[in-house]
Amino acid sequence: MLNTMLILQGPWWCPMCGADAPRGWGMMMFSMLIWLLVLAVVAALVWRFAVARGGSLAAGGAPPPAALKILEARYARGEIDRDTYLRMREDLGGGSQR
């Protein structure tokens, strides 16, 4: 009787090790796929909102327009000279205007 119960239900520490083991493994794999899908959706949303807010996640992205405007305002006020302005603009990725 005990042997039959262990075969049909599995031992107490492994409820999915009995006669329904293939179904148990299938449910486990399905559950893992669902969680991977949920994590992929969350990662895609984080990526989308990070890029939408102006954060450049890709290397070599365009500088925020505010940085170039601040640099142009400093040059217009005379705080920096032309060479410094051109070097800083090139560093920001705005290109040079020589």
N, C-alpha and C. Protein backbone atom coordinates (compact mmCIF):
# COMPACT_ATOMS: atom_id res chain seq x y z
N MET A 1 0.83 -1.20 0.00
CA MET A 1 0.00 0.00 0.00
C MET A 1 0.88 1.26 0.00
N LEU A 2 1.90 1.31 0.88
CA LEU A 2 2.79 2.47 0.95
C LEU A 2 3.55 2.64 -0.36
N ASN A 3 4.00 1.51 -0.95
CA ASN A 3 4.69 1.59 -2.24
C ASN A 3 3.78 2.17 -3.30
N THR A 4 2.54 1.78 -3.34
CA THR A 4 1.59 2.29 -4.32
C THR A 4 1.37 3.79 -4.12
N MET A 5 1.27 4.21 -2.87
CA MET A 5 1.08 5.65 -2.60
C MET A 5 2.30 6.45 -3.04
N LEU A 6 3.51 5.91 -2.79
CA LEU A 6 4.73 6.63 -3.19
C LEU A 6 4.84 6.72 -4.70
N ILE A 7 4.39 5.68 -5.41
CA ILE A 7 4.46 5.70 -6.86
C ILE A 7 3.43 6.68 -7.43
N LEU A 8 2.23 6.68 -6.88
CA LEU A 8 1.17 7.53 -7.41
C LEU A 8 1.31 9.00 -6.99
N GLN A 9 1.73 9.24 -5.75
CA GLN A 9 1.77 10.62 -5.25
C GLN A 9 3.18 11.16 -5.09
N GLY A 10 4.17 10.32 -5.12
CA GLY A 10 5.53 10.76 -4.89
C GLY A 10 5.79 10.88 -3.40
N PRO A 11 7.04 10.97 -3.00
CA PRO A 11 7.34 11.12 -1.58
C PRO A 11 6.86 12.47 -1.07
N TRP A 12 6.78 12.66 0.22
CA TRP A 12 6.25 13.89 0.80
C TRP A 12 7.09 15.11 0.44
N TRP A 13 8.38 14.93 0.18
CA TRP A 13 9.25 16.06 -0.12
C TRP A 13 9.28 16.39 -1.61
N CYS A 14 8.65 15.56 -2.44
CA CYS A 14 8.65 15.80 -3.88
C CYS A 14 7.27 15.50 -4.44
N PRO A 15 6.33 16.43 -4.33
CA PRO A 15 4.97 16.13 -4.76
C PRO A 15 4.82 15.89 -6.27
N MET A 16 5.79 16.32 -7.10
CA MET A 16 5.67 16.13 -8.54
C MET A 16 6.52 14.98 -9.05
N CYS A 17 6.96 14.09 -8.16
CA CYS A 17 7.82 12.99 -8.58
C CYS A 17 7.04 11.70 -8.79
N GLY A 18 5.76 11.72 -8.70
CA GLY A 18 4.97 10.50 -8.82
C GLY A 18 4.59 10.20 -10.25
N ALA A 19 3.42 9.64 -10.43
CA ALA A 19 2.97 9.21 -11.76
C ALA A 19 2.73 10.40 -12.69
N ASP A 20 2.49 11.58 -12.15
CA ASP A 20 2.23 12.76 -12.98
C ASP A 20 3.48 13.61 -13.19
N ALA A 21 4.66 12.98 -13.15
CA ALA A 21 5.91 13.72 -13.29
C ALA A 21 6.02 14.47 -14.62
N PRO A 22 5.66 13.88 -15.75
CA PRO A 22 5.77 14.66 -17.00
C PRO A 22 4.90 15.91 -16.97
N ARG A 23 3.73 15.80 -16.41
CA ARG A 23 2.86 16.96 -16.30
C ARG A 23 3.49 18.00 -15.38
N GLY A 24 4.14 17.55 -14.31
CA GLY A 24 4.80 18.45 -13.38
C GLY A 24 5.93 19.22 -14.04
N TRP A 25 6.75 18.51 -14.84
CA TRP A 25 7.85 19.17 -15.54
C TRP A 25 7.32 20.15 -16.58
N GLY A 26 6.26 19.76 -17.24
CA GLY A 26 5.67 20.66 -18.23
C GLY A 26 5.14 21.94 -17.60
N MET A 27 4.50 21.81 -16.45
CA MET A 27 3.99 22.99 -15.75
C MET A 27 5.14 23.87 -15.28
N MET A 28 6.21 23.23 -14.82
CA MET A 28 7.36 24.00 -14.36
C MET A 28 7.98 24.80 -15.52
N MET A 29 8.12 24.16 -16.68
CA MET A 29 8.69 24.85 -17.84
C MET A 29 7.76 25.98 -18.32
N PHE A 30 6.47 25.73 -18.31
CA PHE A 30 5.51 26.76 -18.70
C PHE A 30 5.59 27.95 -17.75
N SER A 31 5.70 27.67 -16.47
CA SER A 31 5.81 28.73 -15.48
C SER A 31 7.09 29.54 -15.69
N MET A 32 8.19 28.86 -15.98
CA MET A 32 9.45 29.57 -16.22
C MET A 32 9.35 30.46 -17.47
N LEU A 33 8.70 29.95 -18.51
CA LEU A 33 8.53 30.76 -19.73
C LEU A 33 7.67 31.99 -19.47
N ILE A 34 6.63 31.83 -18.67
CA ILE A 34 5.79 32.99 -18.32
C ILE A 34 6.61 34.03 -17.59
N TRP A 35 7.42 33.62 -16.61
CA TRP A 35 8.24 34.58 -15.86
C TRP A 35 9.29 35.24 -16.75
N LEU A 36 9.88 34.49 -17.66
CA LEU A 36 10.84 35.10 -18.59
C LEU A 36 10.16 36.13 -19.49
N LEU A 37 8.94 35.83 -19.91
CA LEU A 37 8.18 36.79 -20.71
C LEU A 37 7.88 38.05 -19.92
N VAL A 38 7.49 37.90 -18.67
CA VAL A 38 7.21 39.06 -17.81
C VAL A 38 8.48 39.90 -17.63
N LEU A 39 9.61 39.25 -17.38
CA LEU A 39 10.87 40.00 -17.22
C LEU A 39 11.27 40.71 -18.51
N ALA A 40 11.05 40.08 -19.65
CA ALA A 40 11.39 40.71 -20.93
C ALA A 40 10.52 41.94 -21.17
N VAL A 41 9.24 41.86 -20.82
CA VAL A 41 8.35 43.02 -21.00
C VAL A 41 8.77 44.16 -20.08
N VAL A 42 9.11 43.84 -18.84
CA VAL A 42 9.55 44.88 -17.89
C VAL A 42 10.84 45.52 -18.39
N ALA A 43 11.78 44.72 -18.87
CA ALA A 43 13.04 45.27 -19.38
C ALA A 43 12.80 46.15 -20.60
N ALA A 44 11.90 45.75 -21.47
CA ALA A 44 11.58 46.57 -22.66
C ALA A 44 10.94 47.89 -22.25
N LEU A 45 10.07 47.86 -21.26
CA LEU A 45 9.44 49.11 -20.80
C LEU A 45 10.47 50.04 -20.15
N VAL A 46 11.36 49.49 -19.34
CA VAL A 46 12.40 50.32 -18.72
C VAL A 46 13.28 50.93 -19.80
N TRP A 47 13.66 50.15 -20.79
CA TRP A 47 14.49 50.65 -21.90
C TRP A 47 13.77 51.77 -22.64
N ARG A 48 12.50 51.55 -22.94
CA ARG A 48 11.74 52.54 -23.70
C ARG A 48 11.60 53.85 -22.94
N PHE A 49 11.27 53.78 -21.65
CA PHE A 49 11.08 54.99 -20.89
C PHE A 49 12.40 55.69 -20.60
N ALA A 50 13.50 54.95 -20.47
CA ALA A 50 14.80 55.58 -20.25
C ALA A 50 15.22 56.36 -21.48
N VAL A 51 14.99 55.82 -22.65
CA VAL A 51 15.35 56.51 -23.89
C VAL A 51 14.40 57.67 -24.14
N ALA A 52 13.12 57.49 -23.81
CA ALA A 52 12.12 58.55 -24.04
C ALA A 52 12.37 59.77 -23.16
N ARG A 53 12.96 59.57 -22.00
CA ARG A 53 13.24 60.70 -21.11
C ARG A 53 14.51 61.45 -21.49
N GLY A 54 15.16 61.04 -22.55
CA GLY A 54 16.35 61.76 -23.00
C GLY A 54 17.64 61.10 -22.58
N GLY A 55 17.58 60.04 -21.81
CA GLY A 55 18.79 59.32 -21.44
C GLY A 55 19.25 58.51 -22.63
N SER A 56 20.48 58.64 -22.98
CA SER A 56 20.99 57.90 -24.13
C SER A 56 21.61 56.61 -23.63
N LEU A 57 20.95 55.48 -23.87
CA LEU A 57 21.48 54.20 -23.45
C LEU A 57 22.46 53.65 -24.47
N ALA A 58 22.38 54.10 -25.70
CA ALA A 58 23.29 53.63 -26.72
C ALA A 58 24.52 54.54 -26.76
N ALA A 59 25.67 53.95 -26.99
CA ALA A 59 26.90 54.74 -27.06
C ALA A 59 26.85 55.63 -28.30
N GLY A 60 27.33 56.83 -28.15
CA GLY A 60 27.39 57.74 -29.27
C GLY A 60 26.07 58.41 -29.59
N GLY A 61 25.15 58.42 -28.64
CA GLY A 61 23.86 59.08 -28.85
C GLY A 61 24.03 60.58 -28.92
N ALA A 62 23.03 61.25 -29.42
CA ALA A 62 23.07 62.71 -29.54
C ALA A 62 23.04 63.34 -28.15
N PRO A 63 23.77 64.41 -27.95
CA PRO A 63 23.77 65.06 -26.63
C PRO A 63 22.42 65.72 -26.38
N PRO A 64 22.07 65.88 -25.14
CA PRO A 64 20.82 66.57 -24.85
C PRO A 64 20.87 68.00 -25.37
N PRO A 65 19.81 68.51 -25.94
CA PRO A 65 19.82 69.86 -26.49
C PRO A 65 20.14 70.92 -25.44
N ALA A 66 19.80 70.65 -24.19
CA ALA A 66 20.06 71.62 -23.14
C ALA A 66 21.56 71.88 -22.98
N ALA A 67 22.38 70.83 -23.14
CA ALA A 67 23.82 71.00 -22.98
C ALA A 67 24.38 71.93 -24.06
N LEU A 68 23.92 71.76 -25.28
CA LEU A 68 24.40 72.64 -26.36
C LEU A 68 23.91 74.07 -26.16
N LYS A 69 22.68 74.24 -25.68
CA LYS A 69 22.17 75.60 -25.44
C LYS A 69 22.95 76.29 -24.33
N ILE A 70 23.29 75.55 -23.29
CA ILE A 70 24.08 76.14 -22.20
C ILE A 70 25.45 76.55 -22.73
N LEU A 71 26.06 75.68 -23.55
CA LEU A 71 27.37 76.00 -24.11
C LEU A 71 27.29 77.24 -25.00
N GLU A 72 26.25 77.33 -25.84
CA GLU A 72 26.10 78.50 -26.70
C GLU A 72 25.87 79.77 -25.89
N ALA A 73 25.11 79.66 -24.79
CA ALA A 73 24.88 80.83 -23.94
C ALA A 73 26.17 81.29 -23.27
N ARG A 74 26.99 80.33 -22.82
CA ARG A 74 28.27 80.71 -22.20
C ARG A 74 29.19 81.40 -23.21
N TYR A 75 29.18 80.91 -24.45
CA TYR A 75 30.00 81.54 -25.49
C TYR A 75 29.46 82.93 -25.82
N ALA A 76 28.15 83.07 -25.87
CA ALA A 76 27.54 84.37 -26.17
C ALA A 76 27.82 85.39 -25.07
N ARG A 77 27.87 84.94 -23.82
CA ARG A 77 28.16 85.85 -22.71
C ARG A 77 29.65 86.17 -22.59
N GLY A 78 30.48 85.46 -23.35
CA GLY A 78 31.91 85.72 -23.31
C GLY A 78 32.64 84.97 -22.20
N GLU A 79 32.02 83.98 -21.60
CA GLU A 79 32.66 83.21 -20.53
C GLU A 79 33.74 82.29 -21.06
N ILE A 80 33.60 81.86 -22.31
CA ILE A 80 34.60 80.98 -22.92
C ILE A 80 34.98 81.54 -24.28
N ASP A 81 36.20 81.22 -24.72
CA ASP A 81 36.65 81.72 -26.02
C ASP A 81 36.23 80.74 -27.13
N ARG A 82 36.53 81.13 -28.37
CA ARG A 82 36.10 80.35 -29.54
C ARG A 82 36.69 78.94 -29.55
N ASP A 83 37.97 78.83 -29.27
CA ASP A 83 38.61 77.50 -29.29
C ASP A 83 37.99 76.58 -28.24
N THR A 84 37.76 77.11 -27.04
CA THR A 84 37.14 76.31 -25.98
C THR A 84 35.73 75.92 -26.38
N TYR A 85 34.99 76.87 -26.97
CA TYR A 85 33.63 76.58 -27.42
C TYR A 85 33.62 75.46 -28.45
N LEU A 86 34.49 75.55 -29.46
CA LEU A 86 34.52 74.53 -30.51
C LEU A 86 34.94 73.17 -29.96
N ARG A 87 35.92 73.16 -29.05
CA ARG A 87 36.37 71.90 -28.45
C ARG A 87 35.26 71.26 -27.63
N MET A 88 34.57 72.08 -26.82
CA MET A 88 33.49 71.54 -25.98
C MET A 88 32.32 71.08 -26.83
N ARG A 89 32.04 71.81 -27.91
CA ARG A 89 30.94 71.40 -28.81
C ARG A 89 31.25 70.08 -29.47
N GLU A 90 32.49 69.90 -29.87
CA GLU A 90 32.91 68.63 -30.46
C GLU A 90 32.83 67.50 -29.43
N ASP A 91 33.22 67.79 -28.18
CA ASP A 91 33.13 66.79 -27.12
C ASP A 91 31.68 66.36 -26.88
N LEU A 92 30.77 67.31 -27.01
CA LEU A 92 29.35 66.99 -26.81
C LEU A 92 28.74 66.28 -28.01
N GLY A 93 29.45 66.23 -29.11
CA GLY A 93 28.94 65.54 -30.29
C GLY A 93 28.20 66.45 -31.23
N GLY A 94 28.30 67.75 -31.02
CA GLY A 94 27.60 68.70 -31.89
C GLY A 94 28.37 69.02 -33.14
N GLY A 95 29.58 68.49 -33.30
CA GLY A 95 30.39 68.77 -34.47
C GLY A 95 31.09 70.11 -34.36
N SER A 96 32.03 70.36 -35.24
CA SER A 96 32.74 71.64 -35.21
C SER A 96 32.26 72.52 -36.36
N GLN A 97 32.37 73.82 -36.17
CA GLN A 97 31.92 74.77 -37.18
C GLN A 97 33.07 75.65 -37.65
N ARG A 98 34.18 75.07 -37.97
CA ARG A 98 35.34 75.87 -38.41
C ARG A 98 35.24 76.26 -39.83
